[in-house]
Amino acid sequence: MYNIPELTIGLTIGTVALIPIIVAIIEAFKRAGLPASWAPWANAVLTVIGYIVVMLLEKYPVYEPTAIMVLTMLGVFLAAGGFYEVVSRTAAIVKK
């Protein structure tokens, strides 16, 4: 069975990694046409999925390197998209 402090630490580490990714995914959904009133529901679903993934990684640690790679790639992709948007907005402001 799980040792409660170890489980809490694992969930906290997973949550810290998931928070900015979930926020970015929700923002991408809203820009793709998701009504703002549905954003909290999408957030709840993604959060539950994230916790399930963290719990499965606790049970099957052999998949942890793959999960780290996927999260890293997703984080880099979302950060690059955000950086591109900031640069393009800044360029538009400077051109004015």
Protein backbone atom coordinates (compact mmCIF):
# COMPACT_ATOMS: atom_id res chain seq x y z
CA MET A 1 0.00 0.00 0.00
CA TYR A 2 1.01 3.63 -0.25
CA ASN A 3 2.92 5.47 2.40
CA ILE A 4 0.84 8.68 2.86
CA PRO A 5 3.79 11.15 3.03
CA GLU A 6 5.37 9.65 -0.12
CA LEU A 7 2.04 9.78 -1.96
CA THR A 8 1.53 13.41 -0.92
CA ILE A 9 5.00 14.36 -2.15
CA GLY A 10 4.39 12.58 -5.46
CA LEU A 11 1.08 14.33 -5.99
CA THR A 12 2.60 17.68 -5.07
CA ILE A 13 5.46 17.23 -7.52
CA GLY A 14 3.03 16.13 -10.21
CA THR A 15 0.71 19.03 -9.47
CA VAL A 16 3.50 21.59 -9.69
CA ALA A 17 4.40 20.24 -13.13
CA LEU A 18 0.78 20.05 -14.26
CA ILE A 19 -0.51 23.47 -13.16
CA PRO A 20 1.10 25.61 -15.88
CA ILE A 21 0.45 22.97 -18.52
CA ILE A 22 -3.25 22.73 -17.64
CA VAL A 23 -3.56 26.52 -17.64
CA ALA A 24 -1.91 26.72 -21.07
CA ILE A 25 -4.07 23.92 -22.50
CA ILE A 26 -7.25 25.60 -21.23
CA GLU A 27 -6.14 28.88 -22.80
CA ALA A 28 -5.49 27.08 -26.08
CA PHE A 29 -8.95 25.49 -25.90
CA LYS A 30 -10.54 28.90 -25.33
CA ARG A 31 -8.69 30.38 -28.30
CA ALA A 32 -9.84 27.42 -30.40
CA GLY A 33 -13.45 28.23 -29.59
CA LEU A 34 -14.23 26.68 -26.22
CA PRO A 35 -16.82 28.90 -24.48
CA ALA A 36 -15.37 30.57 -21.40
CA SER A 37 -18.19 29.13 -19.30
CA TRP A 38 -16.90 25.63 -20.08
CA ALA A 39 -13.31 26.40 -19.06
CA PRO A 40 -13.79 25.39 -15.39
CA TRP A 41 -15.22 22.03 -16.49
CA ALA A 42 -12.33 21.44 -18.89
CA ASN A 43 -9.96 22.39 -16.07
CA ALA A 44 -11.61 19.88 -13.73
CA VAL A 45 -11.40 17.09 -16.33
CA LEU A 46 -7.74 17.80 -17.11
CA THR A 47 -6.91 17.97 -13.40
CA VAL A 48 -8.54 14.59 -12.73
CA ILE A 49 -6.71 13.09 -15.71
CA GLY A 50 -3.46 14.55 -14.40
CA TYR A 51 -4.00 13.04 -10.96
CA ILE A 52 -4.81 9.67 -12.50
CA VAL A 53 -1.58 9.81 -14.49
CA VAL A 54 0.39 10.73 -11.35
CA MET A 55 -1.22 7.83 -9.45
CA LEU A 56 -0.42 5.42 -12.29
CA LEU A 57 3.18 6.62 -12.34
CA GLU A 58 3.38 5.90 -8.62
CA LYS A 59 2.23 2.35 -9.32
CA TYR A 60 4.25 1.84 -12.54
CA PRO A 61 7.46 3.86 -12.19
CA VAL A 62 8.93 2.25 -15.31
CA TYR A 63 6.89 4.77 -17.37
CA GLU A 64 8.22 7.78 -15.48
CA PRO A 65 10.97 8.66 -18.03
CA THR A 66 8.38 8.63 -20.83
CA ALA A 67 6.03 10.83 -18.83
CA ILE A 68 8.84 13.26 -18.02
CA MET A 69 9.78 13.44 -21.69
CA VAL A 70 6.16 14.09 -22.74
CA LEU A 71 5.67 16.78 -20.09
CA THR A 72 8.97 18.42 -21.02
CA MET A 73 8.10 18.44 -24.73
CA LEU A 74 4.63 19.80 -23.99
CA GLY A 75 6.07 22.49 -21.71
CA VAL A 76 8.64 23.52 -24.32
CA PHE A 77 5.96 23.59 -27.03
CA LEU A 78 3.62 25.73 -24.92
CA ALA A 79 6.43 28.03 -23.79
CA ALA A 80 7.61 28.51 -27.36
CA GLY A 81 4.06 29.34 -28.44
CA GLY A 82 3.74 31.84 -25.60
CA PHE A 83 7.11 33.38 -26.44
CA TYR A 84 6.08 33.72 -30.09
CA GLU A 85 2.88 35.48 -29.06
CA VAL A 86 4.71 37.88 -26.75
CA VAL A 87 7.23 38.73 -29.47
CA SER A 88 4.54 39.22 -32.12
CA ARG A 89 2.49 41.47 -29.80
CA THR A 90 5.59 43.45 -28.89
CA ALA A 91 6.48 43.87 -32.56
CA ALA A 92 2.94 45.09 -33.30
CA ILE A 93 3.17 47.64 -30.49
CA VAL A 94 6.59 48.84 -31.61
CA LYS A 95 5.35 49.26 -35.21
CA LYS A 96 2.60 51.63 -34.00
